[in-house]
Amino acid sequence: MLSIWKHWVPSRLLGHSTAKLSLSFPRRREPMSQPHRNHRMGSRLRGTDGVGLANSRCLAVSLVLAALGGSLSSIAAAQAQSVTTSSATTYPTKPIRLLTAEVGGGSDFTARLLSQRLTETLGQQLVVDNRTGGVIIGDIASKAQPDGYTLMLYSSALWLMPYMRSNVPYRMEQFAPVVYISASPLLLVVHPSVQAKSTEELIALAKAKPGELNYASGPLGAAPHLAGELFKYMTGTNIVHIPFKGVGLALNDVIAGRVQIMFTSVGGAIPQVKAGRLRALAVTTAKPSPLLPGIPTVATAGLAGFESVSTNGLFTRTGTPQAVIDKLNRETNNVIARPDLREKFLGVGMELIGGTSAHFDQVIKSETERMSKVIKAAGLRAE
């Protein structure tokens, strides 16, 4: 047999330093006698020579093709990974749009402080784009390209709104959690003219005057709205809901006395409480908040299990390269770990959280499971 080495497969494809394809062919033989010829023909008919040779050739070619196919797939995957890594290394190369709620609320405050610091660390401008309500924000974000250049910073209203509206134009599966930014308790406040100096007295007053008291909130489905509806549901009272386009507008009407009650952010309410323009009754956390020493929880007024915390988190579009999400998560965590920034947030009653994308995803799932039951039981709608 004469071995002919004709095909060399590049080692970068097969993963070997050298690789050869050896095809064997029968060598020229001397004329055989008739007995030998008959014996040779019988062997061929039985498939021990010619057919075996053909099968060997097919097997060799198949092995090479299989190796080539697998190697090419590996190369394609490696190239895709290289592109993803490269995009994360160079990201961002242009300004980033940061969608958030209307001016004056907790999300806006968070977005503006965060955008200033991330602009410095990322080297590109984060442009804050204020919109009214989570439905509009979610709709815009859901239609963005999955490239990390459209981000969204919003509260729990984003993932709870689908349980309160039938025509929400987005799905949570369209968003990739980046990082849990902040959490803050809400403060139950009333106008000083309201004849209630505790949560117990407010409940008694609301029961004595069904439909005569009202409470203000910002956009439908936001934390202040959900806290108010949870309060009504757990107390069995009839308090009229007065929604406003923004938290600031709602708070102004409570200060003016046009609306009696509100669950609002600590930062916006405390200066008004200290000035005597509002009366603080309780905090909405499960345990007393160190941010509000001396103020009891709503739960202590006979409403065991009452808890409503305003949260804010950062999202991008699902499909954004994981390396880009990881970079955003890392840079954001670095920013919110700064002591000076933490002090600024604590000053307005907000606690910076941080953590992994997976942690934020779990927070969303846990709160969705808990609050969706309340929404359904209370029949809350935000149509």
Protein backbone atom coordinates (compact mmCIF):
# COMPACT_ATOMS: atom_id res chain seq x y z
CA MET A 1 0.00 0.00 0.00
CA LEU A 2 1.24 3.46 -0.82
CA SER A 3 0.10 6.16 1.66
CA ILE A 4 -0.53 9.47 -0.06
CA TRP A 5 -0.53 12.50 2.32
CA LYS A 6 -2.29 15.16 0.31
CA HIS A 7 -4.54 17.21 2.63
CA TRP A 8 -3.32 19.31 5.51
CA VAL A 9 -5.99 20.74 7.85
CA PRO A 10 -4.92 23.97 9.59
CA SER A 11 -4.16 23.33 13.22
CA ARG A 12 -6.20 26.41 14.24
CA LEU A 13 -9.30 24.63 12.96
CA LEU A 14 -8.73 21.18 14.44
CA GLY A 15 -6.95 22.27 17.59
CA HIS A 16 -3.81 20.18 16.91
CA SER A 17 -0.29 21.28 16.08
CA THR A 18 -0.44 19.22 12.90
CA ALA A 19 -3.21 17.24 11.30
CA LYS A 20 -3.05 15.11 8.17
CA LEU A 21 -5.59 13.29 6.09
CA SER A 22 -4.24 9.94 4.96
CA LEU A 23 -5.96 8.22 2.07
CA SER A 24 -4.72 4.78 1.08
CA PHE A 25 -5.00 3.31 -2.43
CA PRO A 26 -4.15 -0.16 -3.64
CA ARG A 27 -0.70 -0.31 -5.20
CA ARG A 28 -0.03 -1.76 -8.60
CA ARG A 29 0.28 -5.53 -8.40
CA GLU A 30 1.91 -8.10 -10.62
CA PRO A 31 -0.38 -10.30 -12.74
CA MET A 32 -1.89 -13.02 -10.61
CA SER A 33 -2.55 -16.61 -11.48
CA GLN A 34 -6.14 -17.67 -12.08
CA PRO A 35 -6.57 -19.24 -8.61
CA HIS A 36 -5.30 -16.14 -6.98
CA ARG A 37 -7.54 -14.00 -9.22
CA ASN A 38 -10.59 -16.07 -8.30
CA HIS A 39 -9.76 -15.79 -4.60
CA ARG A 40 -9.30 -12.01 -4.96
CA MET A 41 -12.65 -11.64 -6.76
CA GLY A 42 -14.37 -13.66 -4.05
CA SER A 43 -12.98 -11.36 -1.41
CA ARG A 44 -14.31 -8.32 -3.26
CA LEU A 45 -17.72 -9.94 -3.63
CA ARG A 46 -17.70 -10.59 0.10
CA GLY A 47 -16.87 -6.92 0.79
CA THR A 48 -13.54 -7.53 2.49
CA ASP A 49 -11.47 -5.41 0.12
CA GLY A 50 -13.09 -2.89 -2.24
CA VAL A 51 -16.13 -2.10 -0.16
CA GLY A 52 -14.00 -1.86 2.94
CA LEU A 53 -11.72 0.57 1.13
CA ALA A 54 -14.67 2.74 0.08
CA ASN A 55 -16.05 2.70 3.58
CA SER A 56 -12.68 3.71 4.97
CA ARG A 57 -12.48 6.61 2.53
CA CYS A 58 -16.01 7.77 3.47
CA LEU A 59 -15.21 7.49 7.16
CA ALA A 60 -12.02 9.51 6.79
CA VAL A 61 -13.77 12.26 4.83
CA SER A 62 -16.69 12.31 7.28
CA LEU A 63 -14.35 12.67 10.23
CA VAL A 64 -12.55 15.59 8.59
CA LEU A 65 -15.80 17.32 7.64
CA ALA A 66 -17.19 16.83 11.15
CA ALA A 67 -14.03 18.26 12.64
CA LEU A 68 -14.14 21.20 10.26
CA GLY A 69 -17.80 21.86 11.04
CA GLY A 70 -17.27 21.81 14.78
CA SER A 71 -14.20 23.97 14.50
CA LEU A 72 -15.95 26.54 12.33
CA SER A 73 -18.80 26.72 14.83
CA SER A 74 -16.28 27.26 17.60
CA ILE A 75 -14.60 30.00 15.59
CA ALA A 76 -17.96 31.73 14.95
CA ALA A 77 -18.81 31.59 18.65
CA ALA A 78 -15.39 32.92 19.57
CA GLN A 79 -15.76 35.76 17.07
CA ALA A 80 -19.20 36.64 18.47
CA GLN A 81 -17.78 36.66 21.99
CA SER A 82 -14.94 38.83 20.79
CA VAL A 83 -17.39 41.35 19.30
CA THR A 84 -19.41 41.40 22.54
CA THR A 85 -16.30 41.90 24.65
CA SER A 86 -15.09 44.58 22.29
CA SER A 87 -18.42 46.44 22.46
CA ALA A 88 -18.26 46.41 26.26
CA THR A 89 -14.68 47.66 26.20
CA THR A 90 -15.52 50.62 23.98
CA TYR A 91 -19.01 51.26 25.40
CA PRO A 92 -20.24 53.93 25.53
CA THR A 93 -19.20 55.77 22.39
CA LYS A 94 -22.12 58.25 22.35
CA PRO A 95 -24.54 59.91 24.82
CA ILE A 96 -26.92 57.67 26.76
CA ARG A 97 -30.62 58.41 27.19
CA LEU A 98 -31.93 57.94 30.74
CA LEU A 99 -35.73 57.72 30.90
CA THR A 100 -37.35 58.52 34.24
CA ALA A 101 -40.44 60.01 35.88
CA GLU A 102 -41.60 63.61 35.95
CA VAL A 103 -39.52 66.35 37.56
CA GLY A 104 -39.77 66.57 41.34
CA GLY A 105 -40.21 62.93 42.36
CA GLY A 106 -37.83 60.41 43.88
CA SER A 107 -37.00 58.82 40.54
CA ASP A 108 -36.10 62.20 39.05
CA PHE A 109 -33.92 63.08 42.04
CA THR A 110 -32.14 59.73 41.76
CA ALA A 111 -31.71 59.95 38.00
CA ARG A 112 -30.15 63.41 38.12
CA LEU A 113 -27.60 62.64 40.82
CA LEU A 114 -26.75 59.31 39.22
CA SER A 115 -26.43 60.75 35.71
CA GLN A 116 -23.93 63.35 36.90
CA ARG A 117 -21.63 60.75 38.44
CA LEU A 118 -21.98 58.16 35.65
CA THR A 119 -21.23 60.82 33.05
CA GLU A 120 -17.88 61.28 34.77
CA THR A 121 -17.03 57.58 35.04
CA LEU A 122 -18.34 56.44 31.64
CA GLY A 123 -16.99 59.40 29.70
CA GLN A 124 -20.28 60.05 27.89
CA GLN A 125 -23.22 62.26 28.80
CA LEU A 126 -26.26 60.64 30.41
CA VAL A 127 -29.21 62.73 29.25
CA VAL A 128 -32.18 62.62 31.64
CA ASP A 129 -35.49 62.34 29.75
CA ASN A 130 -38.46 63.04 32.06
CA ARG A 131 -41.81 61.51 31.15
CA THR A 132 -45.12 61.32 33.00
CA GLY A 133 -46.03 57.87 34.29
CA GLY A 134 -44.51 54.42 34.05
CA VAL A 135 -46.70 53.33 31.14
CA ILE A 136 -45.26 55.96 28.81
CA ILE A 137 -41.73 55.35 30.05
CA GLY A 138 -42.07 51.59 29.70
CA ASP A 139 -43.55 51.92 26.22
CA ILE A 140 -40.63 54.05 25.01
CA ALA A 141 -38.02 51.82 26.64
CA SER A 142 -39.58 48.64 25.23
CA LYS A 143 -39.09 49.94 21.68
CA ALA A 144 -35.45 50.96 22.14
CA GLN A 145 -32.53 49.14 20.55
CA PRO A 146 -30.89 46.55 22.87
CA ASP A 147 -27.53 48.31 22.85
CA GLY A 148 -27.32 50.00 26.25
CA TYR A 149 -27.90 53.51 24.91
CA THR A 150 -31.43 53.76 26.29
CA LEU A 151 -31.70 53.20 30.03
CA MET A 152 -34.70 53.47 32.32
CA LEU A 153 -34.78 54.40 35.99
CA TYR A 154 -38.17 53.85 37.57
CA SER A 155 -40.05 52.53 40.56
CA SER A 156 -42.11 49.43 41.34
CA ALA A 157 -45.00 50.91 39.37
CA LEU A 158 -43.23 49.60 36.28
CA TRP A 159 -43.60 45.93 37.19
CA LEU A 160 -46.92 46.26 39.05
CA MET A 161 -48.80 48.29 36.45
CA PRO A 162 -49.60 45.22 34.29
CA TYR A 163 -51.71 43.97 37.22
CA MET A 164 -53.74 47.19 37.28
CA ARG A 165 -54.22 47.87 33.59
CA SER A 166 -55.31 45.67 30.73
CA ASN A 167 -53.66 47.67 27.97
CA VAL A 168 -50.08 48.09 29.18
CA PRO A 169 -47.97 48.40 26.00
CA TYR A 170 -44.92 46.59 27.38
CA ARG A 171 -43.95 43.34 29.08
CA MET A 172 -41.41 43.03 31.86
CA GLU A 173 -39.64 40.36 29.79
CA GLN A 174 -38.58 43.21 27.48
CA PHE A 175 -36.40 44.76 30.18
CA ALA A 176 -33.13 43.57 31.65
CA PRO A 177 -32.56 44.59 35.30
CA VAL A 178 -29.21 46.32 35.76
CA VAL A 179 -29.06 47.29 39.43
CA TYR A 180 -31.31 48.03 42.43
CA ILE A 181 -30.61 51.71 43.13
CA SER A 182 -32.55 52.86 46.17
CA ALA A 183 -35.34 52.22 48.64
CA SER A 184 -37.16 54.71 50.82
CA PRO A 185 -40.07 54.60 53.24
CA LEU A 186 -43.19 56.66 52.70
CA LEU A 187 -44.61 58.98 55.30
CA LEU A 188 -48.31 59.19 56.11
CA VAL A 189 -49.10 62.88 56.47
CA VAL A 190 -52.26 64.94 56.92
CA HIS A 191 -53.08 68.61 56.73
CA PRO A 192 -53.04 70.21 60.22
CA SER A 193 -56.78 70.89 59.93
CA VAL A 194 -57.54 67.15 59.98
CA GLN A 195 -58.78 66.09 63.41
CA ALA A 196 -56.38 63.17 63.78
CA LYS A 197 -53.04 63.08 65.56
CA SER A 198 -52.38 59.37 65.11
CA THR A 199 -53.07 56.63 62.60
CA GLU A 200 -55.70 55.14 64.91
CA GLU A 201 -57.53 58.48 65.07
CA LEU A 202 -57.35 58.85 61.28
CA ILE A 203 -58.90 55.40 60.79
CA ALA A 204 -61.69 56.24 63.23
CA LEU A 205 -62.34 59.57 61.49
CA ALA A 206 -62.45 57.94 58.04
CA LYS A 207 -64.93 55.34 59.27
CA ALA A 208 -67.10 58.01 60.84
CA LYS A 209 -67.11 60.08 57.64
CA PRO A 210 -67.08 57.65 54.71
CA GLY A 211 -66.34 59.32 51.40
CA GLU A 212 -65.66 62.73 52.98
CA LEU A 213 -61.89 62.42 53.31
CA ASN A 214 -59.57 62.21 50.31
CA TYR A 215 -55.95 61.37 49.71
CA ALA A 216 -53.53 62.59 47.06
CA SER A 217 -50.95 60.66 45.05
CA GLY A 218 -48.72 61.08 42.07
CA PRO A 219 -49.14 58.89 38.96
CA LEU A 220 -51.45 55.89 39.13
CA GLY A 221 -49.70 52.73 40.25
CA ALA A 222 -46.76 54.49 41.89
CA ALA A 223 -45.82 53.71 45.49
CA PRO A 224 -47.88 56.53 47.11
CA HIS A 225 -50.98 55.36 45.24
CA LEU A 226 -50.46 51.73 46.20
CA ALA A 227 -49.84 52.69 49.83
CA GLY A 228 -53.09 54.65 49.92
CA GLU A 229 -55.10 51.81 48.40
CA LEU A 230 -53.47 49.28 50.70
CA PHE A 231 -54.44 51.48 53.65
CA LYS A 232 -58.06 51.65 52.47
CA TYR A 233 -58.18 47.91 51.88
CA MET A 234 -56.74 46.94 55.26
CA THR A 235 -58.82 49.47 57.23
CA GLY A 236 -62.07 48.99 55.32
CA THR A 237 -62.47 52.74 54.90
CA ASN A 238 -63.86 54.82 52.05
CA ILE A 239 -61.28 57.51 51.29
CA VAL A 240 -61.49 59.20 47.88
CA HIS A 241 -58.35 59.01 45.73
CA ILE A 242 -57.23 62.24 44.01
CA PRO A 243 -54.45 61.48 41.48
CA PHE A 244 -52.00 64.11 40.23
CA LYS A 245 -49.53 64.06 37.36
CA GLY A 246 -46.63 64.51 39.75
CA VAL A 247 -45.79 63.96 43.41
CA GLY A 248 -44.84 67.62 43.85
CA LEU A 249 -48.23 68.80 42.62
CA ALA A 250 -50.01 66.38 44.94
CA LEU A 251 -47.99 67.48 47.95
CA ASN A 252 -48.69 71.15 47.21
CA ASP A 253 -52.43 70.53 47.33
CA VAL A 254 -52.14 68.75 50.69
CA ILE A 255 -50.10 71.66 52.08
CA ALA A 256 -52.77 74.06 50.78
CA GLY A 257 -55.49 72.01 52.47
CA ARG A 258 -57.35 71.11 49.29
CA VAL A 259 -56.58 67.43 49.96
CA GLN A 260 -56.39 66.01 53.49
CA ILE A 261 -54.14 62.93 53.37
CA MET A 262 -51.09 61.68 51.49
CA PHE A 263 -48.48 58.93 51.56
CA THR A 264 -45.38 60.70 50.30
CA SER A 265 -41.61 60.51 50.20
CA VAL A 266 -39.74 61.38 53.35
CA GLY A 267 -37.48 63.93 51.68
CA GLY A 268 -40.33 66.05 50.38
CA ALA A 269 -42.44 65.87 53.52
CA ILE A 270 -40.01 66.38 56.40
CA PRO A 271 -39.28 70.09 55.70
CA GLN A 272 -43.04 70.72 55.58
CA VAL A 273 -43.58 68.76 58.80
CA LYS A 274 -40.89 70.76 60.57
CA ALA A 275 -42.46 73.99 59.31
CA GLY A 276 -45.86 72.93 60.69
CA ARG A 277 -47.54 72.82 57.30
CA LEU A 278 -48.05 69.03 57.52
CA ARG A 279 -48.54 66.55 60.37
CA ALA A 280 -46.67 63.24 60.24
CA LEU A 281 -48.61 60.25 61.57
CA ALA A 282 -46.66 57.12 60.62
CA VAL A 283 -44.00 55.55 58.43
CA THR A 284 -44.78 52.72 56.01
CA THR A 285 -41.83 50.41 56.72
CA ALA A 286 -42.32 47.13 58.58
CA LYS A 287 -40.08 48.39 61.40
CA PRO A 288 -39.42 51.93 62.67
CA SER A 289 -37.10 53.75 60.29
CA PRO A 290 -33.81 55.26 61.52
CA LEU A 291 -34.52 58.03 59.06
CA LEU A 292 -37.58 59.02 61.08
CA PRO A 293 -36.85 58.52 64.78
CA GLY A 294 -39.87 58.70 67.01
CA ILE A 295 -42.44 58.17 64.27
CA PRO A 296 -44.37 54.86 64.59
CA THR A 297 -45.17 52.48 61.77
CA VAL A 298 -48.60 52.16 60.20
CA ALA A 299 -48.55 48.51 61.24
CA THR A 300 -48.61 49.43 64.94
CA ALA A 301 -52.07 50.96 64.47
CA GLY A 302 -53.61 47.50 64.30
CA LEU A 303 -52.61 46.89 60.66
CA ALA A 304 -50.18 44.00 61.06
CA GLY A 305 -48.26 43.32 57.87
CA PHE A 306 -48.68 46.80 56.41
CA GLU A 307 -45.57 47.73 54.44
CA SER A 308 -45.03 49.91 51.41
CA VAL A 309 -41.57 51.05 50.33
CA SER A 310 -40.71 53.14 47.30
CA THR A 311 -38.02 51.52 45.19
CA ASN A 312 -35.97 52.69 42.21
CA GLY A 313 -33.93 50.59 39.84
CA LEU A 314 -32.04 50.80 36.57
CA PHE A 315 -33.05 48.84 33.46
CA THR A 316 -32.01 48.41 29.86
CA ARG A 317 -33.54 46.46 26.98
CA THR A 318 -33.48 42.68 27.00
CA GLY A 319 -30.95 41.53 24.44
CA THR A 320 -28.35 44.10 25.41
CA PRO A 321 -24.94 42.35 25.50
CA GLN A 322 -24.32 40.92 28.94
CA ALA A 323 -20.88 42.51 29.01
CA VAL A 324 -22.52 45.94 28.62
CA ILE A 325 -25.02 45.19 31.40
CA ASP A 326 -22.17 44.03 33.63
CA LYS A 327 -20.25 47.23 32.94
CA LEU A 328 -23.26 49.39 33.77
CA ASN A 329 -23.83 47.39 36.95
CA ARG A 330 -20.20 47.68 38.01
CA GLU A 331 -19.93 51.42 37.33
CA THR A 332 -23.25 52.17 39.04
CA ASN A 333 -22.28 50.18 42.12
CA ASN A 334 -19.01 52.08 42.27
CA VAL A 335 -20.87 55.39 42.11
CA ILE A 336 -23.52 54.65 44.74
CA ALA A 337 -20.87 53.33 47.12
CA ARG A 338 -19.39 56.81 47.48
CA PRO A 339 -19.95 58.19 51.01
CA ASP A 340 -20.78 61.71 49.80
CA LEU A 341 -23.54 60.42 47.52
CA ARG A 342 -24.96 58.21 50.26
CA GLU A 343 -25.16 61.22 52.55
CA LYS A 344 -27.10 63.18 49.94
CA PHE A 345 -29.63 60.38 49.54
CA LEU A 346 -30.01 59.85 53.28
CA GLY A 347 -30.66 63.57 53.57
CA VAL A 348 -33.84 63.13 51.53
CA GLY A 349 -34.86 59.86 53.16
CA MET A 350 -33.50 57.42 50.60
CA GLU A 351 -31.15 54.51 51.16
CA LEU A 352 -28.82 53.44 48.35
CA ILE A 353 -28.82 49.67 47.85
CA GLY A 354 -26.75 48.38 44.90
CA GLY A 355 -25.90 44.73 44.25
CA THR A 356 -25.95 42.38 41.28
CA SER A 357 -28.42 42.30 38.42
CA ALA A 358 -29.62 38.91 39.66
CA HIS A 359 -30.35 40.39 43.10
CA PHE A 360 -32.47 43.16 41.58
CA ASP A 361 -34.32 40.62 39.46
CA GLN A 362 -35.17 38.63 42.59
CA VAL A 363 -36.41 41.77 44.38
CA ILE A 364 -38.77 42.44 41.47
CA LYS A 365 -40.13 38.90 41.49
CA SER A 366 -40.63 38.89 45.25
CA GLU A 367 -42.46 42.22 45.34
CA THR A 368 -44.56 41.30 42.33
CA GLU A 369 -45.71 38.11 44.03
CA ARG A 370 -46.59 39.96 47.25
CA MET A 371 -48.23 43.09 45.85
CA SER A 372 -50.10 41.47 42.96
CA LYS A 373 -52.17 39.60 45.54
CA VAL A 374 -53.03 42.88 47.29
CA ILE A 375 -53.91 44.54 43.99
CA LYS A 376 -56.19 41.71 43.01
CA ALA A 377 -57.84 41.44 46.44
CA ALA A 378 -58.45 45.18 46.58
CA GLY A 379 -59.61 45.32 42.98
CA LEU A 380 -57.16 48.12 42.15
CA ARG A 381 -57.41 49.52 38.65
CA ALA A 382 -55.39 52.29 37.04
CA GLU A 383 -57.16 52.48 33.68
